Amino acid sequence: MAKLGLWTNAVGLLISIAGTLLLFLHTTNKYHAAIQDIGSIAVGYLGLILLGVSVSITGVALLLGANDD
């Protein structure tokens, strides 16, 4: 169970990092930053970041559950 927790935590961190980089690249691009609908696009990237955080927290919970056994 500990190995699954570590993998889940790592995947969650990678999803969060990818979402953060995509958001940064999107908002620093002159063409994309000029789009009026940047708010909904940013919300999508923030959703990806929060998905990664929740997956990472699940991995931590699996690790803590493995320590109780």
C-alpha atoms as a PDB file:
ATOM      1  CA  MET A   1       0.000   0.000   0.000  1.00  0.00           C
ATOM      2  CA  ALA A   2       2.920   2.345   0.656  1.00  0.00           C
ATOM      3  CA  LYS A   3       4.209   1.925  -2.901  1.00  0.00           C
ATOM      4  CA  LEU A   4       0.772   2.810  -4.281  1.00  0.00           C
ATOM      5  CA  GLY A   5       0.694   5.894  -2.047  1.00  0.00           C
ATOM      6  CA  LEU A   6       4.075   7.051  -3.298  1.00  0.00           C
ATOM      7  CA  TRP A   7       3.096   6.579  -6.933  1.00  0.00           C
ATOM      8  CA  THR A   8      -0.225   8.350  -6.418  1.00  0.00           C
ATOM      9  CA  ASN A   9       1.519  11.240  -4.694  1.00  0.00           C
ATOM     10  CA  ALA A  10       4.077  11.502  -7.509  1.00  0.00           C
ATOM     11  CA  VAL A  11       1.390  11.464 -10.200  1.00  0.00           C
ATOM     12  CA  GLY A  12      -0.541  14.168  -8.359  1.00  0.00           C
ATOM     13  CA  LEU A  13       2.540  16.358  -8.135  1.00  0.00           C
ATOM     14  CA  LEU A  14       3.249  15.883 -11.841  1.00  0.00           C
ATOM     15  CA  ILE A  15      -0.327  16.853 -12.742  1.00  0.00           C
ATOM     16  CA  SER A  16      -0.067  19.974 -10.582  1.00  0.00           C
ATOM     17  CA  ILE A  17       3.289  20.942 -12.076  1.00  0.00           C
ATOM     18  CA  ALA A  18       1.968  20.420 -15.605  1.00  0.00           C
ATOM     19  CA  GLY A  19      -1.103  22.545 -14.874  1.00  0.00           C
ATOM     20  CA  THR A  20       1.023  25.296 -13.363  1.00  0.00           C
ATOM     21  CA  LEU A  21       3.398  25.346 -16.328  1.00  0.00           C
ATOM     22  CA  LEU A  22       0.522  25.371 -18.822  1.00  0.00           C
ATOM     23  CA  LEU A  23      -1.134  28.245 -16.985  1.00  0.00           C
ATOM     24  CA  PHE A  24       2.131  30.189 -16.862  1.00  0.00           C
ATOM     25  CA  LEU A  25       2.874  29.589 -20.547  1.00  0.00           C
ATOM     26  CA  HIS A  26      -0.660  30.519 -21.535  1.00  0.00           C
ATOM     27  CA  THR A  27      -0.777  33.773 -19.610  1.00  0.00           C
ATOM     28  CA  THR A  28       2.702  34.920 -20.651  1.00  0.00           C
ATOM     29  CA  ASN A  29       2.009  34.332 -24.351  1.00  0.00           C
ATOM     30  CA  LYS A  30       1.096  37.723 -25.904  1.00  0.00           C
ATOM     31  CA  TYR A  31      -1.494  36.213 -28.238  1.00  0.00           C
ATOM     32  CA  HIS A  32      -3.268  34.127 -25.613  1.00  0.00           C
ATOM     33  CA  ALA A  33      -3.111  36.852 -22.967  1.00  0.00           C
ATOM     34  CA  ALA A  34      -4.998  39.178 -25.320  1.00  0.00           C
ATOM     35  CA  ILE A  35      -7.937  36.790 -25.629  1.00  0.00           C
ATOM     36  CA  GLN A  36     -11.000  38.102 -23.801  1.00  0.00           C
ATOM     37  CA  ASP A  37     -11.947  34.639 -22.557  1.00  0.00           C
ATOM     38  CA  ILE A  38      -8.753  34.191 -20.530  1.00  0.00           C
ATOM     39  CA  GLY A  39     -10.758  33.785 -17.329  1.00  0.00           C
ATOM     40  CA  SER A  40     -12.433  30.540 -18.349  1.00  0.00           C
ATOM     41  CA  ILE A  41      -9.169  29.192 -19.718  1.00  0.00           C
ATOM     42  CA  ALA A  42      -7.408  30.019 -16.450  1.00  0.00           C
ATOM     43  CA  VAL A  43     -10.192  28.313 -14.493  1.00  0.00           C
ATOM     44  CA  GLY A  44      -9.596  25.174 -16.557  1.00  0.00           C
ATOM     45  CA  TYR A  45      -5.889  25.200 -15.738  1.00  0.00           C
ATOM     46  CA  LEU A  46      -6.623  25.896 -12.076  1.00  0.00           C
ATOM     47  CA  GLY A  47      -8.964  22.902 -12.139  1.00  0.00           C
ATOM     48  CA  LEU A  48      -6.084  20.797 -13.457  1.00  0.00           C
ATOM     49  CA  ILE A  49      -3.849  22.081 -10.666  1.00  0.00           C
ATOM     50  CA  LEU A  50      -6.496  21.282  -8.036  1.00  0.00           C
ATOM     51  CA  LEU A  51      -6.968  17.805  -9.533  1.00  0.00           C
ATOM     52  CA  GLY A  52      -3.252  17.214  -9.051  1.00  0.00           C
ATOM     53  CA  VAL A  53      -3.423  18.466  -5.482  1.00  0.00           C
ATOM     54  CA  SER A  54      -6.342  16.172  -4.660  1.00  0.00           C
ATOM     55  CA  VAL A  55      -4.574  13.172  -6.212  1.00  0.00           C
ATOM     56  CA  SER A  56      -1.450  14.035  -4.221  1.00  0.00           C
ATOM     57  CA  ILE A  57      -3.465  14.280  -0.996  1.00  0.00           C
ATOM     58  CA  THR A  58      -4.960  10.874  -1.783  1.00  0.00           C
ATOM     59  CA  GLY A  59      -1.424   9.520  -2.083  1.00  0.00           C
ATOM     60  CA  VAL A  60      -0.534  10.972   1.315  1.00  0.00           C
ATOM     61  CA  ALA A  61      -3.657   9.385   2.794  1.00  0.00           C
ATOM     62  CA  LEU A  62      -2.633   6.023   1.338  1.00  0.00           C
ATOM     63  CA  LEU A  63       0.816   6.445   2.851  1.00  0.00           C
ATOM     64  CA  LEU A  64      -0.631   7.254   6.248  1.00  0.00           C
ATOM     65  CA  GLY A  65      -2.979   4.267   5.968  1.00  0.00           C
ATOM     66  CA  ALA A  66      -0.017   2.021   5.162  1.00  0.00           C
ATOM     67  CA  ASN A  67       1.812   3.256   8.277  1.00  0.00           C
ATOM     68  CA  ASP A  68      -1.130   2.286  10.485  1.00  0.00           C
ATOM     69  CA  ASP A  69      -0.962  -1.363   9.401  1.00  0.00           C
END
